[in-house]
Amino acid sequence: MDDTSARILVRALGDHQTRARRSLNLTPSENTMSPLARLPLALDVYSRYFFDHMRLFGSWSFYGGLEPGRIELEVLAPLLREAAQASYVDIRPISGLNCMTVAMAALCPPGGTMYTVPVAGGGHMSTVAVAARLGIRTVPLPMRDHHDLDLDRMEGLLRSDPPDLIYVDQSTQLFPLDPKPVRDLVDRLAPAALIHYDSSHTNGLILGGALANPLERGAHTFGGSTHKTLPGPHKGFLATNDPRLAERIDGIAGDFVSHHHLGEVVSLAVTLVELRQCGGAEYARAVLDNARTLAQDLHRRGLEVAASDRAFTDCHQVWVRARRGTDPDRAADRMFEQGLMVNKLSGLPGLDGTAFRLSVAEATRLGAGAAEMSTLAGALDTLLSGDPRDIAEEVAALRSALSTPRYCYGAAEVAAMGAPREMVDLMQAIETANAAG
């Protein structure tokens, strides 16, 4: 029997794991989960279904996931309501894009009108296409200075073409949009319109208390993916304080999501428990501090960092160009070779050509502070300047200093909680496998 495919599979996984243990990931849409949050993805729970049929129908139909199903009902939902400051949450969306689809379908009727952030203003590249498939007409929100809404033009737009939904969907952002001035305009000029805030990139900063809660700032609903600044599994959630909107979301989510992935549900519950119990507020503040520190250091070194006139960033993202004369494509390849995983993009708001959209969320999760940001800035400067020096060992040493996730439980703490030996052993194996080599 030919085992070529198996050999390729095993070798590619091994190569990736080896590289990951010697590399730092600076990609804004990625983060690293804690060892305990990874555990449900390796245990039997990952293979099971859970539907709350006892509540819905008075009896169980699926029995395989009843024990972990308690985690969804008794741990995840209450913690998410608390962290999101929301009376109603829905944790069925299985990804950020699935979350987007559910939100649009629930909040905007077919044939309705939806305002959305244009891609040139940092909007998600899939929003308009998803809306078109749902029969929703989209109108770009007017932007000012690439990072802010033009409220004067928006006032005219609300008068001439009032929307059913305003979908605030920045994925490329330095200064997260504030829904409060939008809500003030909507209440005055288009009171039937709803505001949904897609917080996929900033959920860890919002739930950790470092950024304002969108519901408190006027959004009717908010939510998104759970694996960016929120260091959880690939999943999504929606939150609201309006019972009518919660009912609409519930109805659509029931149609658009069947099995909502019990392993990821439990993993998200772990992430929220750790966010609450293991310094989530400190982590969220550190992300903001580290982003500004990295941006300032890169700027001092003479690199072109976006928004230098307004303190660079108010979230986890930092945008920087390669030095003049350095090919950004080659620089990106060199970063990969030297152990820095980056996000190279064209058309970042306000930046012509190719630049780098970086995030400090994962490095912060691994314990980085100001000293590590300075070391990282030096490594980035070398590679963004076209310097041919080999700095792989320098990057690996930095990664070794940031060897395991912080702001989370360790195996010894989980053992003290009464976990069975096989769970503790597996968690220790995960800690070892993901520590820097």
Protein backbone atom coordinates (compact mmCIF):
# COMPACT_ATOMS: atom_id res chain seq x y z
CA MET A 1 0.00 0.00 0.00
CA ASP A 2 1.34 3.41 -1.00
CA ASP A 3 1.89 5.55 2.10
CA THR A 4 3.24 8.62 0.26
CA SER A 5 0.34 10.82 1.33
CA ALA A 6 0.74 9.84 4.96
CA ARG A 7 4.47 10.55 4.81
CA ILE A 8 3.88 13.98 3.25
CA LEU A 9 1.26 14.74 5.88
CA VAL A 10 3.42 13.74 8.83
CA ARG A 11 6.50 15.50 7.47
CA ALA A 12 4.61 18.76 6.75
CA LEU A 13 3.08 18.78 10.23
CA GLY A 14 6.47 18.11 11.76
CA ASP A 15 8.13 20.83 9.70
CA HIS A 16 5.45 23.32 10.73
CA GLN A 17 5.76 22.42 14.41
CA THR A 18 9.54 22.78 14.31
CA ARG A 19 9.27 26.17 12.64
CA ALA A 20 6.52 27.35 15.02
CA ARG A 21 8.71 26.62 18.04
CA ARG A 22 11.44 28.91 16.63
CA SER A 23 9.20 31.66 15.22
CA LEU A 24 7.14 34.60 16.39
CA ASN A 25 3.75 35.15 14.77
CA LEU A 26 2.80 38.76 14.08
CA THR A 27 -0.33 38.08 12.01
CA PRO A 28 -3.34 40.11 13.25
CA SER A 29 -5.90 37.37 12.58
CA GLU A 30 -4.00 34.73 14.58
CA ASN A 31 -3.16 34.01 18.21
CA THR A 32 -2.11 31.04 20.31
CA MET A 33 -4.45 29.14 22.61
CA SER A 34 -3.57 28.06 26.12
CA PRO A 35 -2.69 24.41 26.79
CA LEU A 36 -5.99 23.92 28.63
CA ALA A 37 -7.98 25.52 25.79
CA ARG A 38 -6.30 23.11 23.34
CA LEU A 39 -7.29 20.11 25.42
CA PRO A 40 -10.93 19.79 24.21
CA LEU A 41 -9.68 19.60 20.63
CA ALA A 42 -7.75 16.43 21.50
CA LEU A 43 -10.27 14.74 23.81
CA ASP A 44 -13.37 12.70 23.02
CA VAL A 45 -15.56 15.81 23.35
CA TYR A 46 -14.33 17.02 19.96
CA SER A 47 -16.15 14.16 18.23
CA ARG A 48 -19.53 14.76 19.90
CA TYR A 49 -22.68 16.75 19.27
CA PHE A 50 -24.65 18.75 21.80
CA PHE A 51 -28.12 20.12 21.16
CA ASP A 52 -30.15 21.53 24.03
CA HIS A 53 -33.10 19.30 23.19
CA MET A 54 -34.20 18.95 26.82
CA ARG A 55 -35.00 22.67 26.90
CA LEU A 56 -36.48 22.68 23.42
CA PHE A 57 -38.43 19.43 23.37
CA GLY A 58 -38.39 18.00 26.89
CA SER A 59 -36.13 15.02 26.15
CA TRP A 60 -32.66 14.23 24.82
CA SER A 61 -32.05 13.03 21.26
CA PHE A 62 -28.22 13.07 21.24
CA TYR A 63 -26.49 11.67 24.32
CA GLY A 64 -22.79 11.73 23.39
CA GLY A 65 -22.06 15.24 24.62
CA LEU A 66 -24.26 15.73 27.67
CA GLU A 67 -21.44 16.33 30.19
CA PRO A 68 -19.55 18.91 28.08
CA GLY A 69 -22.93 20.35 27.10
CA ARG A 70 -23.22 21.50 30.71
CA ILE A 71 -20.12 23.63 30.07
CA GLU A 72 -21.94 25.45 27.26
CA LEU A 73 -25.00 26.14 29.40
CA GLU A 74 -23.49 26.64 32.85
CA VAL A 75 -20.07 28.15 32.09
CA LEU A 76 -19.71 29.61 28.60
CA ALA A 77 -23.05 31.37 28.20
CA PRO A 78 -23.02 33.07 31.64
CA LEU A 79 -19.36 34.12 31.33
CA LEU A 80 -19.88 35.51 27.84
CA ARG A 81 -22.96 37.46 28.91
CA GLU A 82 -20.93 38.93 31.77
CA ALA A 83 -17.84 39.77 29.70
CA ALA A 84 -19.89 41.16 26.81
CA GLN A 85 -22.20 43.06 29.16
CA ALA A 86 -25.07 41.55 27.22
CA SER A 87 -28.35 39.99 28.28
CA TYR A 88 -28.34 37.64 25.29
CA VAL A 89 -25.51 35.81 23.55
CA ASP A 90 -25.46 33.28 20.75
CA ILE A 91 -22.42 31.00 20.50
CA ARG A 92 -23.52 28.91 17.52
CA PRO A 93 -21.53 30.70 14.78
CA ILE A 94 -18.55 28.54 13.86
CA SER A 95 -16.32 31.29 12.41
CA GLY A 96 -16.11 35.02 11.89
CA LEU A 97 -17.52 34.84 8.36
CA ASN A 98 -20.34 32.56 9.52
CA CYS A 99 -20.99 35.09 12.28
CA MET A 100 -21.15 37.85 9.69
CA THR A 101 -23.62 35.87 7.58
CA VAL A 102 -25.90 35.14 10.54
CA ALA A 103 -25.81 38.77 11.66
CA MET A 104 -26.64 40.15 8.22
CA ALA A 105 -29.43 37.65 7.61
CA ALA A 106 -30.95 38.30 11.03
CA LEU A 107 -30.70 42.08 11.05
CA CYS A 108 -31.27 43.15 7.42
CA PRO A 109 -34.19 41.93 5.28
CA PRO A 110 -33.66 40.62 1.74
CA GLY A 111 -33.84 43.62 -0.55
CA GLY A 112 -32.84 45.88 2.32
CA THR A 113 -30.03 48.42 2.44
CA MET A 114 -26.88 48.04 4.50
CA TYR A 115 -24.08 50.55 5.03
CA THR A 116 -20.68 48.95 5.39
CA VAL A 117 -17.06 50.06 5.78
CA PRO A 118 -15.38 50.15 2.34
CA VAL A 119 -12.32 47.96 1.83
CA ALA A 120 -10.31 51.15 1.29
CA GLY A 121 -11.32 52.16 4.80
CA GLY A 122 -10.39 48.82 6.35
CA GLY A 123 -13.65 46.93 5.74
CA HIS A 124 -13.64 43.16 5.40
CA MET A 125 -13.14 41.99 1.84
CA SER A 126 -16.05 39.51 1.98
CA THR A 127 -18.78 41.75 3.39
CA VAL A 128 -20.18 43.04 0.11
CA ALA A 129 -20.13 39.59 -1.51
CA VAL A 130 -21.95 37.96 1.42
CA ALA A 131 -24.52 40.74 1.43
CA ALA A 132 -25.11 40.33 -2.31
CA ARG A 133 -25.77 36.60 -1.85
CA LEU A 134 -28.36 37.48 0.81
CA GLY A 135 -30.06 39.98 -1.51
CA ILE A 136 -28.87 42.98 0.49
CA ARG A 137 -27.90 46.23 -1.23
CA THR A 138 -24.71 47.73 0.17
CA VAL A 139 -23.70 51.38 0.42
CA PRO A 140 -20.15 52.30 1.49
CA LEU A 141 -19.84 54.35 4.65
CA PRO A 142 -18.15 57.69 3.90
CA MET A 143 -14.64 57.82 5.35
CA ARG A 144 -12.43 60.74 6.35
CA ASP A 145 -8.63 60.62 6.56
CA HIS A 146 -8.69 56.84 5.94
CA HIS A 147 -9.38 55.93 9.58
CA ASP A 148 -12.53 57.81 10.62
CA LEU A 149 -16.11 58.13 9.48
CA ASP A 150 -17.11 61.35 7.76
CA LEU A 151 -20.10 62.17 9.92
CA ASP A 152 -21.13 65.21 7.87
CA ARG A 153 -21.42 63.17 4.69
CA MET A 154 -23.05 60.36 6.63
CA GLU A 155 -25.75 62.73 7.84
CA GLY A 156 -26.63 63.53 4.24
CA LEU A 157 -26.60 59.86 3.33
CA LEU A 158 -28.96 58.96 6.16
CA ARG A 159 -31.39 61.61 4.93
CA SER A 160 -31.27 60.56 1.27
CA ASP A 161 -30.85 56.78 1.52
CA PRO A 162 -31.68 55.49 5.01
CA PRO A 163 -30.43 51.96 5.73
CA ASP A 164 -31.93 48.96 7.47
CA LEU A 165 -28.54 48.04 8.91
CA ILE A 166 -25.20 49.74 9.49
CA TYR A 167 -22.55 47.02 9.57
CA VAL A 168 -19.31 48.32 11.11
CA ASP A 169 -16.83 45.75 9.84
CA GLN A 170 -13.26 46.98 10.17
CA SER A 171 -10.76 44.17 9.89
CA THR A 172 -7.83 46.37 8.94
CA GLN A 173 -7.75 49.06 11.59
CA LEU A 174 -5.53 51.17 13.76
CA PHE A 175 -8.25 53.22 15.47
CA PRO A 176 -11.42 51.17 16.08
CA LEU A 177 -14.50 53.11 15.03
CA ASP A 178 -16.75 54.41 17.79
CA PRO A 179 -20.44 53.56 17.21
CA LYS A 180 -21.64 56.34 19.56
CA PRO A 181 -21.67 59.24 17.05
CA VAL A 182 -23.23 56.89 14.50
CA ARG A 183 -26.00 55.99 16.94
CA ASP A 184 -26.62 59.67 17.68
CA LEU A 185 -27.15 60.34 13.97
CA VAL A 186 -29.26 57.22 13.49
CA ASP A 187 -31.57 58.03 16.39
CA ARG A 188 -32.18 61.48 14.93
CA LEU A 189 -32.39 60.71 11.22
CA ALA A 190 -33.10 56.98 10.69
CA PRO A 191 -34.45 55.53 13.95
CA ALA A 192 -35.46 52.22 12.36
CA ALA A 193 -31.87 51.44 11.37
CA LEU A 194 -29.83 48.93 13.38
CA ILE A 195 -26.10 49.08 14.09
CA HIS A 196 -24.03 45.89 14.22
CA TYR A 197 -20.39 46.14 15.31
CA ASP A 198 -18.15 43.36 13.96
CA SER A 199 -15.54 43.14 16.70
CA SER A 200 -13.66 40.13 15.37
CA HIS A 201 -10.22 41.72 15.64
CA THR A 202 -10.79 43.44 18.97
CA ASN A 203 -12.86 40.95 20.98
CA GLY A 204 -10.00 40.20 23.37
CA LEU A 205 -9.52 43.92 23.99
CA ILE A 206 -13.25 44.54 24.49
CA LEU A 207 -13.94 41.52 26.69
CA GLY A 208 -10.71 42.26 28.57
CA GLY A 209 -11.91 45.81 29.27
CA ALA A 210 -9.20 47.72 27.38
CA LEU A 211 -11.60 48.99 24.70
CA ALA A 212 -15.14 50.28 25.14
CA ASN A 213 -18.02 47.85 24.87
CA PRO A 214 -19.91 48.46 21.58
CA LEU A 215 -23.30 47.98 23.26
CA GLU A 216 -22.50 50.76 25.71
CA ARG A 217 -21.44 52.95 22.79
CA GLY A 218 -24.69 52.56 20.89
CA ALA A 219 -24.44 49.38 18.83
CA HIS A 220 -27.57 47.24 18.89
CA THR A 221 -25.52 44.06 18.48
CA PHE A 222 -21.87 43.10 18.30
CA GLY A 223 -19.67 40.03 17.94
CA GLY A 224 -17.36 38.16 15.64
CA SER A 225 -14.56 35.63 15.66
CA THR A 226 -12.84 34.43 18.83
CA HIS A 227 -9.24 33.70 17.77
CA LYS A 228 -7.57 37.07 17.17
CA THR A 229 -6.97 39.34 20.16
CA LEU A 230 -9.26 36.93 22.02
CA PRO A 231 -6.91 33.91 22.13
CA GLY A 232 -9.56 31.24 21.71
CA PRO A 233 -10.59 28.67 19.12
CA HIS A 234 -11.83 29.39 15.61
CA LYS A 235 -15.42 30.20 16.45
CA GLY A 236 -17.78 33.20 16.78
CA PHE A 237 -20.47 34.79 18.93
CA LEU A 238 -23.15 37.47 18.76
CA ALA A 239 -24.36 39.59 21.68
CA THR A 240 -27.22 42.03 22.31
CA ASN A 241 -29.38 43.51 25.03
CA ASP A 242 -32.48 43.62 22.84
CA PRO A 243 -34.75 40.55 23.27
CA ARG A 244 -36.35 41.07 19.84
CA LEU A 245 -32.98 41.09 18.11
CA ALA A 246 -31.87 38.07 20.15
CA GLU A 247 -34.93 36.22 18.88
CA ARG A 248 -34.15 37.14 15.29
CA ILE A 249 -30.54 35.99 15.67
CA ASP A 250 -31.70 32.78 17.33
CA GLY A 251 -34.00 31.96 14.42
CA ILE A 252 -31.36 32.57 11.75
CA ALA A 253 -28.56 30.82 13.65
CA GLY A 254 -30.78 27.76 13.97
CA ASP A 255 -31.08 27.65 10.17
CA PHE A 256 -27.52 28.61 9.26
CA VAL A 257 -25.66 26.46 11.81
CA SER A 258 -26.36 22.81 12.52
CA HIS A 259 -23.68 21.33 14.74
CA HIS A 260 -21.85 24.24 16.37
CA HIS A 261 -18.68 22.27 17.22
CA LEU A 262 -18.71 21.17 20.84
CA GLY A 263 -14.92 20.93 21.13
CA GLU A 264 -14.58 24.60 20.18
CA VAL A 265 -17.48 25.50 22.52
CA VAL A 266 -15.58 24.00 25.46
CA SER A 267 -12.32 25.57 24.28
CA LEU A 268 -14.01 28.98 24.16
CA ALA A 269 -15.36 28.42 27.67
CA VAL A 270 -11.80 27.72 28.86
CA THR A 271 -10.60 30.91 27.14
CA LEU A 272 -13.23 33.01 28.91
CA VAL A 273 -12.57 31.39 32.28
CA GLU A 274 -8.87 32.19 31.87
CA LEU A 275 -9.64 35.71 30.65
CA ARG A 276 -11.53 36.28 33.87
CA GLN A 277 -9.33 34.36 36.32
CA CYS A 278 -5.82 34.65 34.90
CA GLY A 279 -5.27 38.33 34.18
CA GLY A 280 -7.31 38.97 31.05
CA ALA A 281 -7.58 42.69 31.81
CA GLU A 282 -3.80 42.89 32.24
CA TYR A 283 -3.30 41.03 28.93
CA ALA A 284 -5.65 43.39 27.09
CA ARG A 285 -3.89 46.50 28.43
CA ALA A 286 -0.49 44.98 27.62
CA VAL A 287 -1.53 44.43 23.99
CA LEU A 288 -2.26 48.14 23.60
CA ASP A 289 0.96 49.14 25.38
CA ASN A 290 3.07 46.75 23.31
CA ALA A 291 1.54 47.89 20.01
CA ARG A 292 2.37 51.53 20.75
CA THR A 293 5.84 50.63 22.01
CA LEU A 294 6.65 48.62 18.89
CA ALA A 295 5.31 51.34 16.60
CA GLN A 296 7.30 54.07 18.38
CA ASP A 297 10.50 52.02 18.26
CA LEU A 298 10.13 51.28 14.55
CA HIS A 299 9.44 54.97 13.93
CA ARG A 300 12.53 56.03 15.91
CA ARG A 301 14.61 53.74 13.73
CA GLY A 302 13.48 55.70 10.68
CA LEU A 303 10.93 53.27 9.28
CA GLU A 304 7.65 54.60 7.88
CA VAL A 305 4.97 53.63 10.39
CA ALA A 306 1.37 54.56 9.63
CA ALA A 307 -0.43 57.26 11.63
CA SER A 308 2.67 58.69 13.26
CA ASP A 309 0.73 61.95 13.62
CA ARG A 310 -1.79 60.37 15.99
CA ALA A 311 0.29 58.02 18.15
CA PHE A 312 0.26 55.17 15.62
CA THR A 313 -2.47 52.86 16.96
CA ASP A 314 -5.28 52.30 19.45
CA CYS A 315 -5.47 48.52 19.07
CA HIS A 316 -3.22 45.52 18.41
CA GLN A 317 -2.26 46.42 14.85
CA VAL A 318 0.83 48.30 13.63
CA TRP A 319 1.36 49.12 9.96
CA VAL A 320 4.86 49.64 8.59
CA ARG A 321 6.55 49.83 5.20
CA ALA A 322 9.83 48.34 4.06
CA ARG A 323 12.55 50.95 3.61
CA ARG A 324 12.79 52.66 0.27
CA GLY A 325 14.74 50.45 -2.10
CA THR A 326 13.82 47.23 -0.29
CA ASP A 327 11.49 44.87 -2.15
CA PRO A 328 8.56 44.18 0.23
CA ASP A 329 7.89 40.77 -1.31
CA ARG A 330 11.48 39.70 -0.75
CA ALA A 331 11.40 41.21 2.74
CA ALA A 332 8.30 39.16 3.58
CA ASP A 333 9.93 35.97 2.33
CA ARG A 334 13.06 36.75 4.35
CA MET A 335 10.98 37.30 7.47
CA PHE A 336 9.43 33.86 7.03
CA GLU A 337 12.85 32.31 6.51
CA GLN A 338 14.20 34.06 9.61
CA GLY A 339 11.25 33.19 11.85
CA LEU A 340 8.87 36.17 11.75
CA MET A 341 5.36 35.37 10.49
CA VAL A 342 3.90 38.59 9.06
CA ASN A 343 0.89 39.81 7.09
CA LYS A 344 1.91 41.54 3.82
CA LEU A 345 -0.93 43.48 2.21
CA SER A 346 -1.50 45.96 -0.57
CA GLY A 347 -3.83 48.90 -0.19
CA LEU A 348 -3.78 49.44 3.56
CA PRO A 349 -5.89 52.55 4.26
CA GLY A 350 -3.76 55.61 3.55
CA LEU A 351 -0.75 53.61 2.34
CA ASP A 352 -0.12 53.12 -1.35
CA GLY A 353 1.53 49.94 -2.51
CA THR A 354 2.57 47.06 -0.29
CA ALA A 355 3.05 47.32 3.48
CA PHE A 356 2.93 45.11 6.55
CA ARG A 357 -0.06 44.77 8.90
CA LEU A 358 1.44 43.47 12.14
CA SER A 359 -0.07 42.47 15.49
CA VAL A 360 1.49 42.14 18.93
CA ALA A 361 -1.38 40.06 20.35
CA GLU A 362 0.33 36.65 20.19
CA ALA A 363 3.68 37.96 21.40
CA THR A 364 1.89 39.61 24.32
CA ARG A 365 0.07 36.36 25.02
CA LEU A 366 3.51 34.73 25.28
CA GLY A 367 4.62 37.28 27.85
CA ALA A 368 6.32 39.99 25.78
CA GLY A 369 6.79 43.45 27.24
CA ALA A 370 8.69 46.60 26.34
CA ALA A 371 12.12 44.90 26.26
CA GLU A 372 10.92 42.21 23.89
CA MET A 373 9.24 44.85 21.68
CA SER A 374 12.61 46.60 21.37
CA THR A 375 14.32 43.36 20.34
CA LEU A 376 11.52 42.63 17.89
CA ALA A 377 11.77 46.13 16.41
CA GLY A 378 15.47 45.56 15.79
CA ALA A 379 14.81 42.28 14.01
CA LEU A 380 12.07 43.82 11.90
CA ASP A 381 14.28 46.78 11.03
CA THR A 382 17.02 44.45 9.79
CA LEU A 383 14.66 42.60 7.47
CA LEU A 384 12.64 45.64 6.35
CA SER A 385 15.94 47.29 5.41
CA GLY A 386 17.05 44.49 3.10
CA ASP A 387 19.99 43.61 5.37
CA PRO A 388 21.21 40.13 4.30
CA ARG A 389 22.40 39.14 7.78
CA ASP A 390 21.08 35.85 9.17
CA ILE A 391 19.14 36.64 12.35
CA ALA A 392 17.25 33.35 12.68
CA GLU A 393 19.07 32.48 15.90
CA GLU A 394 18.32 35.91 17.32
CA VAL A 395 14.61 35.44 16.57
CA ALA A 396 14.72 31.91 17.97
CA ALA A 397 16.29 33.22 21.17
CA LEU A 398 13.49 35.77 21.50
CA ARG A 399 10.94 33.02 20.92
CA SER A 400 12.69 30.88 23.54
CA ALA A 401 12.27 33.71 26.05
CA LEU A 402 8.58 33.69 25.15
CA SER A 403 8.24 29.95 25.42
CA THR A 404 4.66 29.31 26.59
CA PRO A 405 1.35 31.19 26.81
CA ARG A 406 0.79 33.37 29.85
CA TYR A 407 -2.47 34.60 31.37
CA CYS A 408 -3.71 31.02 31.61
CA TYR A 409 -3.66 27.86 33.77
CA GLY A 410 -0.77 25.44 33.80
CA ALA A 411 -0.88 21.68 34.11
CA ALA A 412 -0.07 21.75 37.84
CA GLU A 413 -3.00 24.08 38.52
CA VAL A 414 -5.36 21.89 36.51
CA ALA A 415 -4.14 18.83 38.40
CA ALA A 416 -4.88 20.62 41.67
CA MET A 417 -8.46 21.16 40.45
CA GLY A 418 -8.94 17.40 40.34
CA ALA A 419 -8.35 16.64 36.66
CA PRO A 420 -7.74 12.94 35.90
CA ARG A 421 -4.15 11.88 35.28
CA GLU A 422 -4.63 11.35 31.53
CA MET A 423 -5.84 14.95 31.10
CA VAL A 424 -2.90 16.33 33.05
CA ASP A 425 -0.45 14.18 31.07
CA LEU A 426 -1.94 15.38 27.79
CA MET A 427 -1.80 18.98 28.91
CA GLN A 428 1.86 18.59 29.88
CA ALA A 429 2.54 17.08 26.46
CA ILE A 430 0.86 20.08 24.82
CA GLU A 431 2.96 22.45 26.93
CA THR A 432 6.12 20.64 25.89
CA ALA A 433 5.17 20.41 22.21
CA ASN A 434 4.40 24.11 21.91
CA ALA A 435 7.27 25.46 23.99
CA ALA A 436 10.07 27.06 22.05
CA GLY A 437 12.92 24.73 21.23
